[in-house]
Every structure is written in C-alpha cells, then in structure tokens.
Amino acid sequence: MPLPRMVAPALAGLLAGWTTQTLPFYPGPAFVVATALATALTAWAPRLGLAFVLALPILPLGQDPAVIVQLVGESACWEARYGASSRNDDGKTGGVHASG
C-alpha cells in the first residue's frame, strides 16, 4: 500500500484511540479494539471508517439522561416554531375542518 493511502487509516486509528482513551464512557482496553477497527474500516471503505470515528464521541451522549431530556425539549421547541401554522386559510384557528 503506498504511503499516501496509509495516512487516512493511520489518522482514523489515532483519533479513535485517543477518543476512547479520553472519554470515561469506554472501558479500559476498548481503545485497542477501536483503533484496530477504525484503521481497518478506513483502509477498506474510507466513508465507513469516517462514520465510525465520528460516532465514537457521540455514543456516550445517549447514556446521559440530561442530554436526552434536553434533546426532547429542543425538538418540541423546534416543532412549535417551525411546524405547521395554527391558522387555516379562512382565518379561523384550530384543526382540520370540512369546507362546503
């Protein structure tokens, strides 16, 4: 394998190893598995390896109840702000009604 093609898998392995070693979510020897898996995935399919490496720091967020509550609250605010309008075309407020 030529040197330029080895750079991306090496960087993916370094980032995966550093992420799993730094975050307290992952158990002790998980960085070895994550490094090997990220390097192999990036060498085989670069986009798949990139997705794996970028998912590693996000996975611990699903374990924190405060994060889940905040995401649910923000999605409700987003829906209230950018959802369907509460006014119909005839100016009346309310749900769907039959015309005619």
Protein backbone atom coordinates (compact mmCIF):
# COMPACT_ATOMS: atom_id res chain seq x y z
CA MET A 1 0.00 0.00 0.00
CA PRO A 2 1.50 3.36 -0.99
CA LEU A 3 2.26 5.89 1.72
CA PRO A 4 -0.46 8.46 0.81
CA ARG A 5 -3.13 5.74 1.11
CA MET A 6 -1.90 4.83 4.59
CA VAL A 7 -2.29 8.33 6.03
CA ALA A 8 -6.10 8.30 6.38
CA PRO A 9 -6.31 4.92 8.15
CA ALA A 10 -3.47 5.91 10.48
CA LEU A 11 -5.16 9.19 11.41
CA ALA A 12 -8.50 7.44 11.88
CA GLY A 13 -6.86 4.93 14.20
CA LEU A 14 -5.15 7.67 16.20
CA LEU A 15 -8.37 9.66 16.59
CA ALA A 16 -10.39 6.59 17.56
CA GLY A 17 -7.79 5.50 20.10
CA TRP A 18 -7.50 8.97 21.61
CA THR A 19 -11.29 9.36 21.83
CA THR A 20 -11.88 6.03 23.53
CA GLN A 21 -8.94 6.53 25.89
CA THR A 22 -10.01 10.06 26.88
CA LEU A 23 -13.74 9.59 27.42
CA PRO A 24 -14.67 7.75 30.63
CA PHE A 25 -17.58 6.01 28.88
CA TYR A 26 -15.41 3.32 27.27
CA PRO A 27 -13.80 0.54 29.36
CA GLY A 28 -10.02 0.20 29.71
CA PRO A 29 -8.87 -1.90 26.72
CA ALA A 30 -11.56 -0.57 24.35
CA PHE A 31 -9.09 1.83 22.75
CA VAL A 32 -7.15 -1.08 21.23
CA VAL A 33 -10.27 -2.51 19.60
CA ALA A 34 -11.48 0.90 18.44
CA THR A 35 -8.08 1.75 16.97
CA ALA A 36 -7.83 -1.52 15.06
CA LEU A 37 -11.42 -1.34 13.86
CA ALA A 38 -11.15 2.29 12.73
CA THR A 39 -7.91 1.61 10.88
CA ALA A 40 -9.31 -1.47 9.12
CA LEU A 41 -12.61 0.19 8.22
CA THR A 42 -10.91 3.30 6.85
CA ALA A 43 -8.49 1.23 4.77
CA TRP A 44 -11.35 -0.89 3.38
CA ALA A 45 -14.06 1.79 2.96
CA PRO A 46 -12.99 5.35 3.84
CA ARG A 47 -16.52 6.70 4.35
CA LEU A 48 -17.46 3.84 6.64
CA GLY A 49 -14.30 4.40 8.67
CA LEU A 50 -15.04 8.11 8.90
CA ALA A 51 -18.58 7.41 10.10
CA PHE A 52 -17.24 5.04 12.76
CA VAL A 53 -14.64 7.51 14.00
CA LEU A 54 -17.15 10.38 14.13
CA ALA A 55 -19.69 8.23 16.01
CA LEU A 56 -17.29 7.40 18.85
CA PRO A 57 -17.58 10.75 20.69
CA ILE A 58 -21.36 10.85 20.16
CA LEU A 59 -22.18 7.41 21.61
CA PRO A 60 -21.71 8.41 25.28
CA LEU A 61 -24.32 11.17 24.91
CA GLY A 62 -27.10 8.58 24.72
CA GLN A 63 -26.28 7.39 28.24
CA ASP A 64 -26.82 10.75 29.96
CA PRO A 65 -30.47 11.39 30.89
CA ALA A 66 -29.94 15.16 30.99
CA VAL A 67 -28.85 15.15 27.36
CA ILE A 68 -31.87 13.10 26.32
CA VAL A 69 -34.27 15.44 28.14
CA GLN A 70 -32.64 18.46 26.55
CA LEU A 71 -32.86 16.97 23.05
CA VAL A 72 -36.54 16.12 23.52
CA GLY A 73 -37.25 19.64 24.78
CA GLU A 74 -35.39 21.23 21.88
CA SER A 75 -37.22 19.09 19.34
CA ALA A 76 -40.56 20.19 20.83
CA CYS A 77 -39.49 23.84 20.59
CA TRP A 78 -38.34 23.31 17.03
CA GLU A 79 -41.67 21.73 16.11
CA ALA A 80 -43.63 24.55 17.76
CA ARG A 81 -41.59 27.19 15.97
CA TYR A 82 -41.23 25.68 12.52
CA GLY A 83 -44.20 23.29 12.45
CA ALA A 84 -47.46 23.79 10.58
CA SER A 85 -49.23 27.07 11.08
CA SER A 86 -52.13 27.14 13.53
CA ARG A 87 -54.21 29.31 11.18
CA ASN A 88 -56.18 27.95 8.28
CA ASP A 89 -56.67 29.79 5.02
CA ASP A 90 -60.03 31.21 6.13
CA GLY A 91 -58.50 32.88 9.17
CA LYS A 92 -60.02 30.52 11.73
CA THR A 93 -57.75 28.87 14.24
CA GLY A 94 -57.96 25.22 15.05
CA GLY A 95 -57.56 21.85 13.44
CA VAL A 96 -58.67 20.47 10.11
CA HIS A 97 -62.27 21.15 9.22
CA ALA A 98 -64.51 20.32 6.30
CA SER A 99 -65.42 23.13 3.96
CA GLY A 100 -68.60 23.40 1.94
